[in-house]
Amino acid sequence: MNPVLVLASASPRRRQLLEQIGIACLVRPADVDETPRADETAPAFAARLAFDKARAVRNDAGLPVLGADTVVVVDGRMLGKPRDRADGLDMLERLSGRSHEVISAVAMVRGGHEAGRVSVSAVRFRAITAAEREAYWASGEPADKAGAYAIQGLGALFVEHLEGSYSGVMGLPLFETGELLAAFGIRVLGVRREA
């Protein structure tokens, strides 16, 4: 299958989600500064990074470039990927027994045409014991995930309730991605749909 877009991400989950809906892509990870700006809201931050990633990838094939970013928010604080073990354990403790938001933004660019979408999901965790947090961290799964967990992996054991987009919590909201694909004339299910 010939690639129809460039994915500006090293995330195997995002590539797998695109493959799940029949979209072949070239993977070209973007290197951008992921520092939040002063007074930047979480949705604005995620959207800016999605666009920054898409714009940063050089694309000689003329294909549209898809960028994405995900951030977890609890008590108004954005949780990105943990810096280290202590940070990861702190994140898991903050999320334990309560609800948080997962904001995933996607952006697509080709030439002068740009479009983006944002997905917001609510996730509630059951209480997680200190021993469970330690064991989960030791599994290696949370080390490179926003909020220090992966809903598609062992982290699913903690998810008591989800309202919103499962794929968005994984890092690539497929409904919003489908909207962008349509806006750029990319067929899904063998059908070209009007955006």
Protein backbone atom coordinates (compact mmCIF):
# COMPACT_ATOMS: atom_id res chain seq x y z
CA MET A 1 0.00 0.00 0.00
CA ASN A 2 1.42 3.40 -0.98
CA PRO A 3 1.76 6.02 1.75
CA VAL A 4 -0.88 8.77 1.62
CA LEU A 5 0.60 10.98 4.34
CA VAL A 6 3.65 11.59 6.50
CA LEU A 7 3.28 11.00 10.24
CA ALA A 8 5.37 13.52 12.20
CA SER A 9 5.66 11.22 15.21
CA ALA A 10 7.82 8.36 16.44
CA SER A 11 4.85 6.91 18.33
CA PRO A 12 4.18 3.32 17.27
CA ARG A 13 0.65 3.71 18.68
CA ARG A 14 -0.18 6.54 16.28
CA ARG A 15 1.16 4.56 13.33
CA GLN A 16 -0.86 1.51 14.42
CA LEU A 17 -4.03 3.57 14.74
CA LEU A 18 -3.57 4.91 11.21
CA GLU A 19 -2.97 1.38 9.94
CA GLN A 20 -6.12 0.28 11.79
CA ILE A 21 -8.18 2.55 9.52
CA GLY A 22 -6.25 1.55 6.39
CA ILE A 23 -3.98 4.59 6.12
CA ALA A 24 -0.40 3.89 5.04
CA CYS A 25 2.12 6.50 6.12
CA LEU A 26 5.77 7.44 6.09
CA VAL A 27 7.10 8.02 9.61
CA ARG A 28 9.23 11.15 10.05
CA PRO A 29 9.45 12.15 13.73
CA ALA A 30 9.50 15.88 14.42
CA ASP A 31 11.87 17.54 16.86
CA VAL A 32 10.16 20.57 18.40
CA ASP A 33 10.35 22.46 21.68
CA GLU A 34 7.55 21.10 23.89
CA THR A 35 7.68 23.82 26.54
CA PRO A 36 4.28 25.33 27.38
CA ARG A 37 3.98 29.09 27.00
CA ALA A 38 2.89 31.28 29.89
CA ASP A 39 -0.91 31.20 30.36
CA GLU A 40 -1.32 28.69 27.50
CA THR A 41 -4.34 26.44 28.00
CA ALA A 42 -3.92 22.70 27.61
CA PRO A 43 -6.03 22.52 24.40
CA ALA A 44 -4.10 25.46 22.90
CA PHE A 45 -0.79 23.88 23.91
CA ALA A 46 -1.65 20.48 22.39
CA ALA A 47 -2.94 22.13 19.19
CA ARG A 48 0.16 24.32 18.86
CA LEU A 49 2.47 21.33 19.25
CA ALA A 50 0.49 19.26 16.74
CA PHE A 51 0.86 22.08 14.18
CA ASP A 52 4.53 22.68 15.10
CA LYS A 53 5.31 18.99 14.56
CA ALA A 54 3.49 18.85 11.23
CA ARG A 55 5.21 22.03 10.00
CA ALA A 56 8.66 20.88 11.15
CA VAL A 57 8.81 17.77 8.97
CA ARG A 58 10.38 18.15 5.56
CA ASN A 59 8.29 16.38 2.96
CA ASP A 60 9.73 16.04 -0.53
CA ALA A 61 6.98 13.63 -1.61
CA GLY A 62 4.27 16.32 -1.61
CA LEU A 63 2.19 14.32 0.85
CA PRO A 64 0.24 15.97 3.67
CA VAL A 65 1.97 15.81 7.06
CA LEU A 66 0.04 14.79 10.17
CA GLY A 67 1.19 16.00 13.58
CA ALA A 68 -0.32 15.06 16.93
CA ASP A 69 0.14 15.79 20.60
CA THR A 70 -1.48 14.51 23.78
CA VAL A 71 -1.53 16.01 27.25
CA VAL A 72 -3.12 14.85 30.49
CA VAL A 73 -4.65 17.49 32.78
CA VAL A 74 -5.48 17.11 36.47
CA ASP A 75 -6.29 20.02 38.79
CA GLY A 76 -5.46 22.41 35.96
CA ARG A 77 -1.90 21.03 35.75
CA MET A 78 -0.65 19.59 32.46
CA LEU A 79 1.14 16.27 32.73
CA GLY A 80 3.37 15.38 29.82
CA LYS A 81 5.80 12.48 29.70
CA PRO A 82 7.48 11.80 33.06
CA ARG A 83 11.04 13.10 33.42
CA ASP A 84 12.08 10.17 35.62
CA ARG A 85 10.81 7.51 38.04
CA ALA A 86 9.93 9.99 40.81
CA ASP A 87 7.98 12.18 38.38
CA GLY A 88 6.15 9.15 36.94
CA LEU A 89 5.18 7.85 40.38
CA ASP A 90 4.01 11.34 41.36
CA MET A 91 1.81 11.52 38.25
CA LEU A 92 0.24 8.14 38.98
CA GLU A 93 -0.43 9.19 42.57
CA ARG A 94 -2.09 12.42 41.37
CA LEU A 95 -4.35 10.43 39.03
CA SER A 96 -5.21 7.73 41.58
CA GLY A 97 -8.88 7.57 42.58
CA ARG A 98 -9.97 10.56 40.53
CA SER A 99 -10.85 11.99 37.14
CA HIS A 100 -8.61 13.78 34.67
CA GLU A 101 -8.81 15.07 31.12
CA VAL A 102 -6.86 13.77 28.15
CA ILE A 103 -6.49 16.32 25.37
CA SER A 104 -5.27 15.06 22.01
CA ALA A 105 -4.77 17.41 19.09
CA VAL A 106 -4.16 16.53 15.46
CA ALA A 107 -3.03 18.85 12.68
CA MET A 108 -2.44 18.32 8.99
CA VAL A 109 -0.46 20.56 6.66
CA ARG A 110 0.33 20.47 2.94
CA GLY A 111 1.70 23.54 1.25
CA GLY A 112 -0.42 26.48 2.38
CA HIS A 113 -3.35 24.28 3.47
CA GLU A 114 -3.54 23.63 7.23
CA ALA A 115 -6.28 22.24 9.45
CA GLY A 116 -6.48 20.91 12.99
CA ARG A 117 -8.85 19.32 15.49
CA VAL A 118 -8.83 18.78 19.26
CA SER A 119 -10.36 15.87 21.22
CA VAL A 120 -11.09 16.10 24.96
CA SER A 121 -11.83 12.95 26.95
CA ALA A 122 -12.56 12.42 30.64
CA VAL A 123 -10.93 9.44 32.35
CA ARG A 124 -11.49 8.28 35.93
CA PHE A 125 -8.96 6.06 37.65
CA ARG A 126 -9.69 3.72 40.54
CA ALA A 127 -7.47 4.10 43.60
CA ILE A 128 -3.97 2.80 42.81
CA THR A 129 -1.87 1.49 45.70
CA ALA A 130 1.76 2.49 46.16
CA ALA A 131 2.81 -1.09 45.38
CA GLU A 132 0.80 -1.03 42.13
CA ARG A 133 2.34 2.30 41.11
CA GLU A 134 5.83 0.90 41.72
CA ALA A 135 5.08 -2.31 39.83
CA TYR A 136 3.55 -0.40 36.94
CA TRP A 137 6.55 1.92 36.70
CA ALA A 138 8.88 -1.11 36.81
CA SER A 139 7.04 -2.55 33.77
CA GLY A 140 8.55 0.26 31.67
CA GLU A 141 5.22 1.14 30.07
CA PRO A 142 4.64 4.57 31.64
CA ALA A 143 8.10 6.03 30.96
CA ASP A 144 7.27 7.70 27.62
CA LYS A 145 3.52 8.29 27.96
CA ALA A 146 1.67 11.50 28.76
CA GLY A 147 0.37 11.21 32.32
CA ALA A 148 2.61 8.15 32.84
CA TYR A 149 0.10 5.58 31.60
CA ALA A 150 -1.04 3.75 28.48
CA ILE A 151 -4.75 2.95 28.27
CA GLN A 152 -4.04 0.31 25.60
CA GLY A 153 -1.64 -1.56 27.89
CA LEU A 154 -1.34 -2.39 31.57
CA GLY A 155 -2.64 1.09 32.39
CA ALA A 156 -6.12 -0.12 31.41
CA LEU A 157 -6.25 -1.87 34.80
CA PHE A 158 -6.66 1.55 36.44
CA VAL A 159 -9.35 3.00 34.15
CA GLU A 160 -12.70 2.89 35.92
CA HIS A 161 -14.55 5.07 33.41
CA LEU A 162 -13.91 6.76 30.07
CA GLU A 163 -16.05 9.41 28.46
CA GLY A 164 -14.81 10.47 25.05
CA SER A 165 -12.34 8.97 22.61
CA TYR A 166 -10.44 5.79 23.45
CA SER A 167 -8.13 6.37 20.47
CA GLY A 168 -7.71 9.99 21.62
CA VAL A 169 -6.50 8.78 25.01
CA MET A 170 -4.08 6.50 23.13
CA GLY A 171 -2.73 9.58 21.35
CA LEU A 172 -4.52 9.86 17.99
CA PRO A 173 -8.27 10.59 18.03
CA LEU A 174 -9.55 8.72 15.00
CA PHE A 175 -12.81 10.65 14.59
CA GLU A 176 -10.94 13.97 14.38
CA THR A 177 -8.22 12.39 12.25
CA GLY A 178 -10.90 11.13 9.86
CA GLU A 179 -12.23 14.68 9.58
CA LEU A 180 -8.75 15.91 8.61
CA LEU A 181 -8.28 13.10 6.12
CA ALA A 182 -11.55 14.10 4.45
CA ALA A 183 -10.50 17.76 4.42
CA PHE A 184 -7.35 16.76 2.53
CA GLY A 185 -9.17 14.46 0.10
CA ILE A 186 -7.73 11.23 1.51
CA ARG A 187 -9.91 8.17 1.08
CA VAL A 188 -10.90 6.06 4.07
CA LEU A 189 -12.76 2.79 3.49
CA GLY A 190 -12.05 3.32 -0.20
CA VAL A 191 -14.40 6.31 -0.23
CA ARG A 192 -13.62 9.96 -0.67
CA ARG A 193 -15.80 11.94 1.69
CA GLU A 194 -16.57 15.64 1.67
CA ALA A 195 -15.28 17.43 4.77
